Amino acid sequence: MTADTSPGAGSDAASTPRAGAFAPLRNRLFAVLWAATVLGNVGTFMRDVASAWLVLDLSGSPGAVALVQAAATLPIFLLAIPAGVLSDIMDRRRMLIAVQCALACVSAALMLLASTGSATVASIAALTFLGGVGAALMAPSWQAIVPELVPRSELKGAIALNSLGFNISRAIGPALGGAILAGFGAAATYAADVLTYAVVVASLLWWRREPATRDALSEEFTGALKAGLRFARASRDTHRVLLRAGLFFACASALWALLPVVAGPMLGGGPGFYGLLLASVGAGAVGGAVLLPKLRGRLSPDGILLAGSVVTAALMAVLSLAPPRWAAVPILLVQGAAWIAVLTTLNATMQGILPNWVRGRGLALYLTVFNGAMTAGSLAWGGLAEAAGVPATLCAGAAGLLAVALAVRGRPLPAGEADLAPSNHWPEPLLAAPVRGDRGPVLITVEYRIHEGDRPGFLAVLGRLSEERRRDGAYAWGVSEDASDPQRIVEWFFVESWFEHLRQHRRVSHADADVQAEVLAFHRSAQPPAVTHFLAVDRGDPAGPPP
């Protein structure tokens, strides 16, 4: 909710008819938090304007200004994944409140330095870095709470509204910050930012979210990090979304990296014209958010991505021809609409394939890919522009977008419509005695009776089930047959510990249960498949084998 990359789809409720663009605002909770977030982002843009101007005034160095910008973005690369882990194992509302209060303290410190005239480039950069740390910690949690705020039919609209809110803030914040800076100074600008944090904290305190209960199976940081990476490694749907996102953003970053040069040297404009182009992008995003529900009614998610890629490529090619300055404004308007359509589609799909237990970690990976692709792409396109010129680089970026859009058509986005709510259909394991939670590894076997003619179909469905086992906790999986009885087939998988296996019980979704039902349909026996749990023997246990 606080960034242009904020996803917000993925409830597990049943689908309902498509909602309008602004339908999510009928939900009072979403509307209050959305409005507070827009105001908070306005304050952040105001702070950034004041910091950039103050650093320039202190040093007169563009390099120092760039240093402050880097200090704001670097924490996202360093902390996105750990922040996603924290989002999944901590109370998200309380975490957001704590981070907002910390960010208010950062702005208050900047206000104090500015008001006393003791600000330096080093102190501003250090505080900006701390602000970036707070933003990095906050982003996955903001994004992960969206499915709690709106029904499933309005989730994609909520995503578009979040991106729309960011663009509104981007249009208002710099202008308002510049006005306060010019009229009252940097200290007043920072003070205004502190007030916006107060509003956001008040809205979060007003939200009476039911806190998640913690018990012996609640994850700790290290285990949660490993579980999240294991999920991402095993989830083919996640691979497809991240691949499509990384390729698109890497190519599209050419336009954003070179836009200041396009506005200035290429088209002969000044800072005001550059600001006008950025405002055009924001206005286009507003229009795109309004039209997106109708577009979703006509095109599939893959169709929207293809259309967005083609439009973006065409606009980059037109800009490479150095059109008249007046023409650049409608070009960036259309680009803003295409950008929000692609961004919303990718974000919604990513949310739709993530169960709640790993949502924050999955979104953190998405943020890492997004920022990594944009940063690496910007550096690469900037280097190419130095060597070949801006027009040729824009054409190369456009060609790359078209090539990628056509190349990935054979790897469509996942539907993201599966019911990922926990099914809780696994029975509790039978135990001869209580098992210590950290004991492991654990070997689980499931014994099936499969007729010879059913084997190909059974193994095909079992292969789909293996992905679910690995996503939910298994680090190794296999299938074996009895040499003396080929109809006796055993599925086996390893889990790190007993507690991790019990967590696996909680993670199995209704969609996973449907796959398991398909597997059981091949089982030819009056008795259900025999499930056995084998624990690694503690060699220090007197009951175990001798060393």
Protein backbone atom coordinates (compact mmCIF):
# COMPACT_ATOMS: atom_id res chain seq x y z
CA MET A 1 0.00 0.00 0.00
CA THR A 2 2.94 2.31 0.38
CA ALA A 3 4.78 1.83 -2.87
CA ASP A 4 4.21 1.70 -6.59
CA THR A 5 5.04 -2.03 -6.42
CA SER A 6 2.45 -2.89 -3.79
CA PRO A 7 0.56 -6.10 -4.53
CA GLY A 8 -2.68 -6.87 -2.82
CA ALA A 9 -4.60 -9.79 -4.23
CA GLY A 10 -4.99 -13.25 -2.95
CA SER A 11 -7.88 -13.97 -0.66
CA ASP A 12 -8.99 -17.53 -0.39
CA ALA A 13 -12.64 -16.80 -0.46
CA ALA A 14 -14.86 -17.86 -3.30
CA SER A 15 -14.89 -15.71 -6.41
CA THR A 16 -17.64 -13.17 -6.82
CA PRO A 17 -18.62 -10.91 -9.72
CA ARG A 18 -16.07 -8.38 -10.93
CA ALA A 19 -16.08 -5.11 -8.98
CA GLY A 20 -15.56 -1.54 -10.20
CA ALA A 21 -12.32 0.41 -9.97
CA PHE A 22 -13.28 2.27 -6.78
CA ALA A 23 -15.37 -0.46 -5.14
CA PRO A 24 -12.69 -1.18 -2.47
CA LEU A 25 -13.18 2.32 -1.06
CA ARG A 26 -16.66 1.29 0.06
CA ASN A 27 -14.90 -0.75 2.75
CA ARG A 28 -14.34 1.76 5.54
CA LEU A 29 -11.25 0.01 6.88
CA PHE A 30 -9.54 -0.08 3.48
CA ALA A 31 -10.58 3.50 2.73
CA VAL A 32 -9.15 4.83 6.02
CA LEU A 33 -5.85 3.00 5.69
CA TRP A 34 -5.59 3.88 1.98
CA ALA A 35 -6.15 7.59 2.65
CA ALA A 36 -3.68 7.53 5.54
CA THR A 37 -1.09 5.81 3.37
CA VAL A 38 -1.51 8.36 0.58
CA LEU A 39 -0.94 11.12 3.12
CA GLY A 40 2.05 9.26 4.55
CA ASN A 41 3.61 8.92 1.11
CA VAL A 42 3.03 12.62 0.49
CA GLY A 43 5.05 13.29 3.64
CA THR A 44 7.83 10.97 2.47
CA PHE A 45 8.11 12.81 -0.86
CA MET A 46 8.17 16.11 1.03
CA ARG A 47 11.01 14.82 3.22
CA ASP A 48 12.97 13.67 0.18
CA VAL A 49 12.62 17.06 -1.49
CA ALA A 50 13.84 18.82 1.64
CA SER A 51 16.79 16.44 2.06
CA ALA A 52 17.90 16.74 -1.58
CA TRP A 53 17.72 20.52 -1.48
CA LEU A 54 19.46 20.73 1.88
CA VAL A 55 22.32 18.49 0.70
CA LEU A 56 22.68 20.49 -2.50
CA ASP A 57 22.72 23.71 -0.49
CA LEU A 58 25.35 22.33 1.89
CA SER A 59 27.67 20.79 -0.69
CA GLY A 60 26.75 22.10 -4.12
CA SER A 61 27.57 18.61 -5.39
CA PRO A 62 25.25 16.50 -7.58
CA GLY A 63 27.25 13.51 -6.39
CA ALA A 64 26.25 14.21 -2.79
CA VAL A 65 22.59 14.37 -3.85
CA ALA A 66 22.98 11.01 -5.61
CA LEU A 67 24.56 9.60 -2.45
CA VAL A 68 21.48 10.50 -0.44
CA GLN A 69 19.25 8.87 -3.08
CA ALA A 70 21.34 5.69 -2.90
CA ALA A 71 21.11 5.72 0.90
CA ALA A 72 17.32 5.64 0.58
CA THR A 73 17.16 2.69 -1.83
CA LEU A 74 20.05 0.47 -0.70
CA PRO A 75 18.19 -0.96 2.34
CA ILE A 76 15.55 -2.45 0.05
CA PHE A 77 18.18 -4.72 -1.51
CA LEU A 78 19.67 -5.59 1.85
CA LEU A 79 16.53 -6.11 3.91
CA ALA A 80 13.58 -7.01 1.68
CA ILE A 81 13.75 -10.76 2.34
CA PRO A 82 14.43 -10.51 6.11
CA ALA A 83 11.58 -8.00 6.29
CA GLY A 84 9.31 -10.50 4.57
CA VAL A 85 10.23 -13.13 7.17
CA LEU A 86 9.41 -10.70 9.99
CA SER A 87 6.10 -9.90 8.30
CA ASP A 88 5.11 -13.57 8.46
CA ILE A 89 6.21 -14.33 12.02
CA MET A 90 5.22 -11.06 13.76
CA ASP A 91 1.93 -9.26 14.20
CA ARG A 92 1.83 -7.14 11.03
CA ARG A 93 -0.22 -4.32 12.51
CA ARG A 94 2.07 -3.91 15.52
CA MET A 95 5.13 -4.09 13.31
CA LEU A 96 3.75 -1.34 11.08
CA ILE A 97 3.02 0.87 14.08
CA ALA A 98 6.54 0.38 15.46
CA VAL A 99 8.19 1.16 12.11
CA GLN A 100 6.01 4.23 11.55
CA CYS A 101 7.00 5.56 14.96
CA ALA A 102 10.67 4.94 14.18
CA LEU A 103 10.35 6.78 10.87
CA ALA A 104 8.70 9.70 12.64
CA CYS A 105 11.75 9.84 14.91
CA VAL A 106 14.02 9.94 11.85
CA SER A 107 12.12 12.90 10.42
CA ALA A 108 12.07 14.58 13.84
CA ALA A 109 15.86 14.24 14.01
CA LEU A 110 16.17 15.81 10.56
CA MET A 111 13.87 18.62 11.70
CA LEU A 112 16.04 19.26 14.74
CA LEU A 113 19.24 19.31 12.68
CA ALA A 114 17.72 21.68 10.13
CA SER A 115 16.28 24.03 12.73
CA THR A 116 19.59 24.31 14.61
CA GLY A 117 21.70 24.64 11.48
CA SER A 118 23.80 21.61 12.45
CA ALA A 119 22.88 19.37 9.49
CA THR A 120 25.72 17.90 7.44
CA VAL A 121 25.77 15.76 4.33
CA ALA A 122 26.91 12.78 6.42
CA SER A 123 24.15 13.17 9.01
CA ILE A 124 21.46 13.59 6.36
CA ALA A 125 22.74 10.53 4.46
CA ALA A 126 22.84 8.46 7.65
CA LEU A 127 19.30 9.42 8.66
CA THR A 128 18.10 8.85 5.10
CA PHE A 129 19.59 5.36 5.27
CA LEU A 130 17.69 4.71 8.49
CA GLY A 131 14.54 5.92 6.76
CA GLY A 132 15.25 3.46 3.95
CA VAL A 133 15.63 0.68 6.51
CA GLY A 134 12.21 1.53 7.89
CA ALA A 135 10.68 1.60 4.42
CA ALA A 136 12.24 -1.77 3.60
CA LEU A 137 10.91 -3.33 6.82
CA MET A 138 7.48 -1.87 6.24
CA ALA A 139 6.85 -2.73 2.58
CA PRO A 140 6.08 -6.49 2.81
CA SER A 141 3.76 -5.98 5.79
CA TRP A 142 1.77 -3.21 4.09
CA GLN A 143 1.33 -5.40 1.04
CA ALA A 144 0.50 -8.56 2.99
CA ILE A 145 -2.41 -7.00 4.91
CA VAL A 146 -4.41 -6.02 1.81
CA PRO A 147 -6.29 -9.36 1.54
CA GLU A 148 -7.51 -8.76 5.10
CA LEU A 149 -9.12 -5.45 4.13
CA VAL A 150 -11.30 -6.25 1.10
CA PRO A 151 -13.29 -9.22 -0.27
CA ARG A 152 -11.83 -11.27 -3.11
CA SER A 153 -13.96 -9.61 -5.79
CA GLU A 154 -12.36 -6.24 -4.98
CA LEU A 155 -8.73 -7.31 -4.49
CA LYS A 156 -7.49 -6.41 -7.96
CA GLY A 157 -9.23 -3.07 -7.65
CA ALA A 158 -7.48 -2.57 -4.31
CA ILE A 159 -4.13 -3.24 -5.98
CA ALA A 160 -4.82 -0.66 -8.66
CA LEU A 161 -5.94 1.84 -6.02
CA ASN A 162 -2.74 1.30 -4.07
CA SER A 163 -0.65 2.10 -7.13
CA LEU A 164 -2.98 4.98 -7.90
CA GLY A 165 -2.48 6.31 -4.38
CA PHE A 166 1.27 6.17 -4.82
CA ASN A 167 1.03 8.18 -8.04
CA ILE A 168 -1.24 10.72 -6.34
CA SER A 169 1.35 11.09 -3.61
CA ARG A 170 4.13 11.38 -6.17
CA ALA A 171 2.24 14.20 -7.88
CA ILE A 172 1.33 16.11 -4.70
CA GLY A 173 4.28 15.43 -2.39
CA PRO A 174 7.16 17.06 -4.29
CA ALA A 175 5.10 20.10 -5.20
CA LEU A 176 3.80 20.60 -1.67
CA GLY A 177 7.21 19.93 -0.19
CA GLY A 178 8.78 22.46 -2.51
CA ALA A 179 6.20 25.07 -1.53
CA ILE A 180 6.73 24.55 2.21
CA LEU A 181 10.49 24.49 1.70
CA ALA A 182 10.41 27.79 -0.20
CA GLY A 183 8.06 29.48 2.23
CA PHE A 184 9.09 28.15 5.63
CA GLY A 185 12.36 26.22 5.26
CA ALA A 186 13.55 22.62 5.59
CA ALA A 187 12.68 22.28 9.29
CA ALA A 188 9.01 23.06 8.59
CA THR A 189 8.98 20.54 5.75
CA TYR A 190 10.32 17.82 8.02
CA ALA A 191 7.79 18.80 10.69
CA ALA A 192 4.98 18.35 8.17
CA ASP A 193 6.31 14.86 7.45
CA VAL A 194 6.24 14.00 11.16
CA LEU A 195 2.56 14.97 11.26
CA THR A 196 1.76 12.58 8.42
CA TYR A 197 3.29 9.71 10.41
CA ALA A 198 1.02 10.62 13.30
CA VAL A 199 -2.00 10.23 11.02
CA VAL A 200 -0.83 6.84 9.74
CA VAL A 201 -0.17 5.55 13.27
CA ALA A 202 -3.59 6.77 14.39
CA SER A 203 -5.26 4.88 11.53
CA LEU A 204 -3.39 1.68 12.45
CA LEU A 205 -4.35 2.05 16.11
CA TRP A 206 -7.97 2.49 15.04
CA TRP A 207 -7.82 -0.84 13.16
CA ARG A 208 -8.82 -3.53 15.66
CA ARG A 209 -7.04 -6.41 13.97
CA GLU A 210 -7.29 -9.75 15.69
CA PRO A 211 -3.68 -10.67 16.55
CA ALA A 212 -2.40 -14.04 15.48
CA THR A 213 -1.93 -16.43 18.37
CA ARG A 214 1.53 -17.89 18.93
CA ASP A 215 2.10 -21.45 20.11
CA ALA A 216 4.82 -24.07 20.07
CA LEU A 217 4.56 -24.34 16.27
CA SER A 218 4.99 -20.60 15.62
CA GLU A 219 8.02 -20.05 13.40
CA GLU A 220 11.24 -18.40 14.49
CA PHE A 221 13.34 -16.22 12.21
CA THR A 222 15.94 -18.70 10.92
CA GLY A 223 13.46 -21.51 10.34
CA ALA A 224 10.99 -19.13 8.71
CA LEU A 225 13.67 -17.83 6.36
CA LYS A 226 14.59 -21.37 5.30
CA ALA A 227 10.93 -22.30 4.88
CA GLY A 228 10.28 -19.25 2.70
CA LEU A 229 13.26 -19.94 0.45
CA ARG A 230 12.24 -23.60 0.23
CA PHE A 231 8.72 -22.57 -0.82
CA ALA A 232 10.08 -20.23 -3.49
CA ARG A 233 12.46 -22.86 -4.80
CA ALA A 234 9.69 -25.49 -5.09
CA SER A 235 6.88 -23.26 -6.41
CA ARG A 236 6.82 -23.29 -10.21
CA ASP A 237 4.09 -20.66 -10.21
CA THR A 238 6.38 -18.33 -8.26
CA HIS A 239 9.17 -18.96 -10.78
CA ARG A 240 6.91 -17.94 -13.65
CA VAL A 241 5.76 -14.71 -12.02
CA LEU A 242 9.26 -13.67 -10.98
CA LEU A 243 10.64 -14.49 -14.43
CA ARG A 244 7.98 -12.44 -16.21
CA ALA A 245 8.40 -9.55 -13.77
CA GLY A 246 12.20 -9.53 -13.93
CA LEU A 247 12.31 -9.55 -17.73
CA PHE A 248 9.68 -6.83 -18.13
CA PHE A 249 11.14 -4.46 -15.54
CA ALA A 250 14.69 -4.95 -16.79
CA CYS A 251 13.67 -3.85 -20.30
CA ALA A 252 11.17 -1.16 -19.27
CA SER A 253 13.73 0.43 -16.93
CA ALA A 254 15.39 1.97 -20.01
CA LEU A 255 12.60 4.54 -20.20
CA TRP A 256 12.72 5.50 -16.52
CA ALA A 257 16.52 5.61 -16.40
CA LEU A 258 16.76 7.91 -19.41
CA LEU A 259 13.64 10.05 -18.91
CA PRO A 260 15.59 13.01 -17.40
CA VAL A 261 17.85 13.00 -20.48
CA VAL A 262 14.84 12.73 -22.78
CA ALA A 263 13.16 15.67 -21.06
CA GLY A 264 16.34 17.79 -21.05
CA PRO A 265 18.94 17.42 -23.80
CA MET A 266 16.76 15.48 -26.25
CA LEU A 267 13.60 17.57 -26.10
CA GLY A 268 15.13 20.82 -24.82
CA GLY A 269 13.10 21.09 -21.64
CA GLY A 270 14.09 22.12 -18.14
CA PRO A 271 13.33 20.85 -14.64
CA GLY A 272 9.77 22.10 -14.91
CA PHE A 273 9.19 20.12 -18.08
CA TYR A 274 10.66 17.01 -16.44
CA GLY A 275 8.25 17.49 -13.55
CA LEU A 276 5.40 17.85 -16.03
CA LEU A 277 6.31 14.53 -17.64
CA LEU A 278 6.38 12.82 -14.24
CA ALA A 279 2.99 14.34 -13.45
CA SER A 280 1.73 13.01 -16.79
CA VAL A 281 2.81 9.51 -15.77
CA GLY A 282 0.87 9.89 -12.53
CA ALA A 283 -2.20 11.21 -14.31
CA GLY A 284 -2.00 8.34 -16.80
CA ALA A 285 -1.85 5.90 -13.91
CA VAL A 286 -5.03 7.43 -12.49
CA GLY A 287 -6.79 6.92 -15.81
CA GLY A 288 -5.38 3.43 -16.12
CA ALA A 289 -6.68 2.50 -12.68
CA VAL A 290 -10.17 3.62 -13.69
CA LEU A 291 -10.12 1.70 -16.98
CA LEU A 292 -8.41 -1.43 -15.70
CA PRO A 293 -11.58 -3.29 -14.56
CA LYS A 294 -13.01 -2.99 -18.09
CA LEU A 295 -9.69 -4.10 -19.56
CA ARG A 296 -9.66 -7.16 -17.30
CA GLY A 297 -13.11 -8.03 -18.63
CA ARG A 298 -11.74 -8.15 -22.18
CA LEU A 299 -8.21 -9.51 -21.77
CA SER A 300 -6.59 -12.27 -19.77
CA PRO A 301 -3.66 -11.40 -17.47
CA ASP A 302 -1.26 -12.58 -20.18
CA GLY A 303 -3.11 -10.42 -22.70
CA ILE A 304 -2.75 -7.39 -20.46
CA LEU A 305 0.99 -8.04 -20.06
CA LEU A 306 1.41 -8.42 -23.82
CA ALA A 307 -0.58 -5.26 -24.52
CA GLY A 308 1.34 -3.31 -21.86
CA SER A 309 4.67 -4.48 -23.28
CA VAL A 310 3.71 -3.59 -26.85
CA VAL A 311 2.41 -0.15 -25.85
CA THR A 312 5.50 0.60 -23.75
CA ALA A 313 7.81 -0.52 -26.56
CA ALA A 314 5.94 1.61 -29.10
CA LEU A 315 6.10 4.69 -26.87
CA MET A 316 9.83 4.22 -26.27
CA ALA A 317 10.37 3.99 -30.02
CA VAL A 318 8.40 7.21 -30.57
CA LEU A 319 10.37 9.04 -27.89
CA SER A 320 13.62 7.93 -29.55
CA LEU A 321 12.60 10.07 -32.56
CA ALA A 322 12.68 13.24 -30.37
CA PRO A 323 9.06 14.33 -30.95
CA PRO A 324 7.88 17.87 -30.18
CA ARG A 325 7.72 18.62 -26.47
CA TRP A 326 3.94 18.90 -26.47
CA ALA A 327 3.69 15.35 -27.84
CA ALA A 328 5.75 13.95 -24.96
CA VAL A 329 2.95 14.77 -22.50
CA PRO A 330 0.27 12.49 -24.04
CA ILE A 331 2.94 9.84 -24.64
CA LEU A 332 3.74 9.74 -20.92
CA LEU A 333 0.03 9.79 -20.09
CA VAL A 334 -0.46 6.58 -22.07
CA GLN A 335 2.72 5.15 -20.58
CA GLY A 336 1.39 5.72 -17.07
CA ALA A 337 -1.76 3.75 -17.93
CA ALA A 338 0.26 0.89 -19.46
CA TRP A 339 2.61 0.82 -16.47
CA ILE A 340 -0.13 0.50 -13.87
CA ALA A 341 -1.88 -2.20 -15.92
CA VAL A 342 1.25 -4.36 -16.06
CA LEU A 343 2.24 -3.64 -12.47
CA THR A 344 -1.21 -4.45 -11.09
CA THR A 345 -1.47 -7.65 -13.10
CA LEU A 346 1.90 -8.97 -11.91
CA ASN A 347 1.25 -7.96 -8.32
CA ALA A 348 -2.20 -9.49 -8.26
CA THR A 349 -0.93 -12.75 -9.71
CA MET A 350 1.89 -12.92 -7.17
CA GLN A 351 -0.53 -12.40 -4.31
CA GLY A 352 -2.93 -14.94 -5.74
CA ILE A 353 -0.40 -17.79 -5.63
CA LEU A 354 0.82 -17.12 -2.07
CA PRO A 355 -0.81 -18.80 0.93
CA ASN A 356 -1.04 -16.59 3.97
CA TRP A 357 1.66 -18.42 5.96
CA VAL A 358 4.35 -17.36 3.47
CA ARG A 359 2.79 -14.22 1.99
CA GLY A 360 5.25 -11.70 3.40
CA ARG A 361 8.26 -13.76 2.32
CA GLY A 362 6.90 -14.25 -1.19
CA LEU A 363 6.18 -10.55 -1.60
CA ALA A 364 9.67 -9.73 -0.35
CA LEU A 365 11.14 -11.89 -3.11
CA TYR A 366 8.95 -10.06 -5.62
CA LEU A 367 10.18 -6.71 -4.32
CA THR A 368 13.76 -7.91 -4.54
CA VAL A 369 13.30 -8.96 -8.17
CA PHE A 370 11.50 -5.71 -9.02
CA ASN A 371 14.13 -3.45 -7.49
CA GLY A 372 17.01 -5.59 -8.71
CA ALA A 373 15.72 -5.61 -12.28
CA MET A 374 15.07 -1.86 -12.25
CA THR A 375 18.48 -1.06 -10.76
CA ALA A 376 20.52 -3.44 -12.93
CA GLY A 377 18.54 -2.45 -16.00
CA SER A 378 19.05 1.25 -15.33
CA LEU A 379 22.81 0.78 -14.98
CA ALA A 380 23.00 -1.30 -18.16
CA TRP A 381 20.86 1.08 -20.22
CA GLY A 382 22.80 4.05 -18.90
CA GLY A 383 26.07 2.46 -20.00
CA LEU A 384 24.65 1.69 -23.43
CA ALA A 385 23.39 5.27 -23.76
CA GLU A 386 26.91 6.55 -23.05
CA ALA A 387 28.28 4.38 -25.86
CA ALA A 388 25.50 4.39 -28.46
CA GLY A 389 23.34 7.40 -27.60
CA VAL A 390 19.93 7.78 -26.04
CA PRO A 391 17.79 7.21 -29.19
CA ALA A 392 19.54 3.93 -29.99
CA THR A 393 19.22 2.81 -26.37
CA LEU A 394 15.48 3.52 -26.29
CA CYS A 395 15.08 1.52 -29.49
CA ALA A 396 17.09 -1.33 -27.99
CA GLY A 397 14.89 -1.30 -24.89
CA ALA A 398 11.77 -1.34 -27.05
CA ALA A 399 13.11 -4.25 -29.09
CA GLY A 400 13.96 -6.10 -25.89
CA LEU A 401 10.44 -5.63 -24.55
CA LEU A 402 8.88 -6.99 -27.73
CA ALA A 403 11.28 -9.93 -27.86
CA VAL A 404 10.63 -10.82 -24.22
CA ALA A 405 6.85 -10.46 -24.61
CA LEU A 406 6.86 -12.91 -27.52
CA ALA A 407 9.41 -15.30 -26.01
CA VAL A 408 7.50 -15.86 -22.76
CA ARG A 409 4.10 -16.48 -24.29
CA GLY A 410 4.73 -20.20 -23.85
CA ARG A 411 5.07 -19.66 -20.07
CA PRO A 412 1.71 -18.11 -19.15
CA LEU A 413 1.04 -16.59 -15.78
CA PRO A 414 -0.66 -18.85 -13.22
CA ALA A 415 -4.36 -18.22 -12.76
CA GLY A 416 -3.94 -17.35 -9.09
CA GLU A 417 -7.49 -18.44 -8.30
CA ALA A 418 -6.80 -21.54 -6.19
CA ASP A 419 -8.28 -21.85 -2.71
CA LEU A 420 -5.18 -21.54 -0.51
CA ALA A 421 -6.92 -21.51 2.86
CA PRO A 422 -5.71 -24.30 5.18
CA SER A 423 -7.77 -27.47 4.75
CA ASN A 424 -6.76 -29.01 8.12
CA HIS A 425 -7.72 -32.43 6.72
CA TRP A 426 -4.56 -34.31 7.76
CA PRO A 427 -5.15 -36.36 10.92
CA GLU A 428 -2.76 -35.99 13.83
CA PRO A 429 0.11 -38.51 13.67
CA LEU A 430 -0.13 -41.51 15.99
CA LEU A 431 2.62 -41.46 18.63
CA ALA A 432 3.84 -44.05 21.08
CA ALA A 433 5.21 -41.24 23.25
CA PRO A 434 5.56 -37.44 23.03
CA VAL A 435 8.18 -36.31 20.47
CA ARG A 436 10.61 -33.48 21.10
CA GLY A 437 9.86 -30.71 18.62
CA ASP A 438 13.41 -30.24 17.32
CA ARG A 439 13.94 -33.97 16.75
CA GLY A 440 14.64 -34.87 13.15
CA PRO A 441 14.92 -35.36 10.34
CA VAL A 442 11.54 -37.02 9.91
CA LEU A 443 10.81 -39.52 7.13
CA ILE A 444 7.16 -39.80 6.13
CA THR A 445 6.02 -42.67 3.92
CA VAL A 446 2.64 -43.16 2.25
CA GLU A 447 1.92 -46.64 0.85
CA TYR A 448 -0.44 -47.00 -2.13
CA ARG A 449 -1.85 -50.00 -4.04
CA ILE A 450 -1.80 -49.09 -7.74
CA HIS A 451 -2.86 -51.29 -10.65
CA GLU A 452 -0.31 -51.62 -13.42
CA GLY A 453 -2.52 -49.90 -16.00
CA ASP A 454 -3.12 -46.93 -13.69
CA ARG A 455 0.56 -46.32 -13.02
CA PRO A 456 1.24 -43.59 -15.69
CA GLY A 457 -1.72 -41.47 -14.59
CA PHE A 458 -0.93 -42.03 -10.93
CA LEU A 459 2.70 -40.96 -11.31
CA ALA A 460 1.66 -37.87 -13.27
CA VAL A 461 -0.65 -36.69 -10.48
CA LEU A 462 1.87 -37.73 -7.83
CA GLY A 463 4.41 -35.47 -9.53
CA ARG A 464 2.06 -32.53 -8.97
CA LEU A 465 1.67 -33.58 -5.35
CA SER A 466 5.46 -33.61 -4.92
CA GLU A 467 5.57 -29.86 -5.57
CA GLU A 468 3.06 -29.33 -2.76
CA ARG A 469 5.11 -31.49 -0.38
CA ARG A 470 8.26 -29.48 -1.13
CA ARG A 471 6.52 -26.10 -0.92
CA ASP A 472 5.09 -26.91 2.49
CA GLY A 473 8.25 -28.24 4.12
CA ALA A 474 9.83 -31.32 2.52
CA TYR A 475 13.49 -30.97 1.57
CA ALA A 476 13.62 -34.33 -0.27
CA TRP A 477 10.89 -36.36 -2.00
CA GLY A 478 10.73 -39.60 -3.95
CA VAL A 479 8.66 -42.58 -4.97
CA SER A 480 9.65 -46.27 -4.82
CA GLU A 481 8.11 -49.63 -5.66
CA ASP A 482 8.30 -52.98 -3.90
CA ALA A 483 10.54 -55.28 -5.95
CA SER A 484 8.44 -58.30 -4.90
CA ASP A 485 5.09 -56.57 -5.42
CA PRO A 486 5.12 -53.83 -8.14
CA GLN A 487 1.59 -52.71 -7.23
CA ARG A 488 2.87 -51.61 -3.84
CA ILE A 489 4.20 -48.08 -4.38
CA VAL A 490 5.57 -45.93 -1.57
CA GLU A 491 5.78 -42.15 -1.65
CA TRP A 492 8.37 -40.78 0.80
CA PHE A 493 9.60 -37.36 1.83
CA PHE A 494 11.93 -35.88 4.45
CA VAL A 495 11.20 -32.93 6.73
CA GLU A 496 13.82 -31.24 8.91
CA SER A 497 12.12 -31.68 12.29
CA TRP A 498 9.00 -32.94 14.00
CA PHE A 499 7.70 -29.41 14.52
CA GLU A 500 8.28 -28.61 10.85
CA HIS A 501 6.17 -31.64 9.91
CA LEU A 502 3.38 -30.47 12.22
CA ARG A 503 3.59 -27.06 10.52
CA GLN A 504 3.23 -28.94 7.24
CA HIS A 505 -0.13 -30.19 8.56
CA ARG A 506 -1.24 -26.59 9.02
CA ARG A 507 0.00 -25.42 5.60
CA VAL A 508 -1.85 -27.91 3.39
CA SER A 509 -4.49 -25.93 1.49
CA HIS A 510 -7.85 -26.86 0.00
CA ALA A 511 -6.23 -26.78 -3.45
CA ASP A 512 -3.57 -29.22 -2.21
CA ALA A 513 -6.29 -31.42 -0.75
CA ASP A 514 -7.90 -31.60 -4.20
CA VAL A 515 -4.63 -32.87 -5.68
CA GLN A 516 -4.33 -35.43 -2.89
CA ALA A 517 -7.88 -36.58 -3.66
CA GLU A 518 -6.84 -37.14 -7.28
CA VAL A 519 -3.94 -39.29 -6.06
CA LEU A 520 -6.20 -41.31 -3.75
CA ALA A 521 -8.55 -42.03 -6.65
CA PHE A 522 -5.87 -44.40 -8.02
CA HIS A 523 -5.50 -46.29 -4.72
CA ARG A 524 -6.93 -49.83 -5.06
CA SER A 525 -7.58 -51.05 -1.54
CA ALA A 526 -10.44 -51.08 0.92
CA GLN A 527 -8.09 -49.51 3.47
CA PRO A 528 -6.70 -45.98 3.11
CA PRO A 529 -3.00 -45.60 2.26
CA ALA A 530 -0.80 -46.43 5.24
CA VAL A 531 1.07 -43.37 6.51
CA THR A 532 4.17 -43.95 8.65
CA HIS A 533 6.45 -41.48 10.42
CA PHE A 534 10.07 -42.43 11.01
CA LEU A 535 12.20 -40.36 13.39
CA ALA A 536 15.96 -40.25 13.22
CA VAL A 537 17.31 -42.24 16.16
CA ASP A 538 19.22 -40.19 18.71
CA ARG A 539 22.51 -42.08 19.00
CA GLY A 540 22.86 -40.80 22.54
CA ASP A 541 19.54 -42.39 23.49
CA PRO A 542 20.08 -45.60 25.55
CA ALA A 543 17.16 -47.13 23.66
CA GLY A 544 18.87 -46.52 20.36
CA PRO A 545 21.60 -48.57 18.65
CA PRO A 546 25.12 -48.61 20.07
CA PRO A 547 27.53 -45.99 18.66
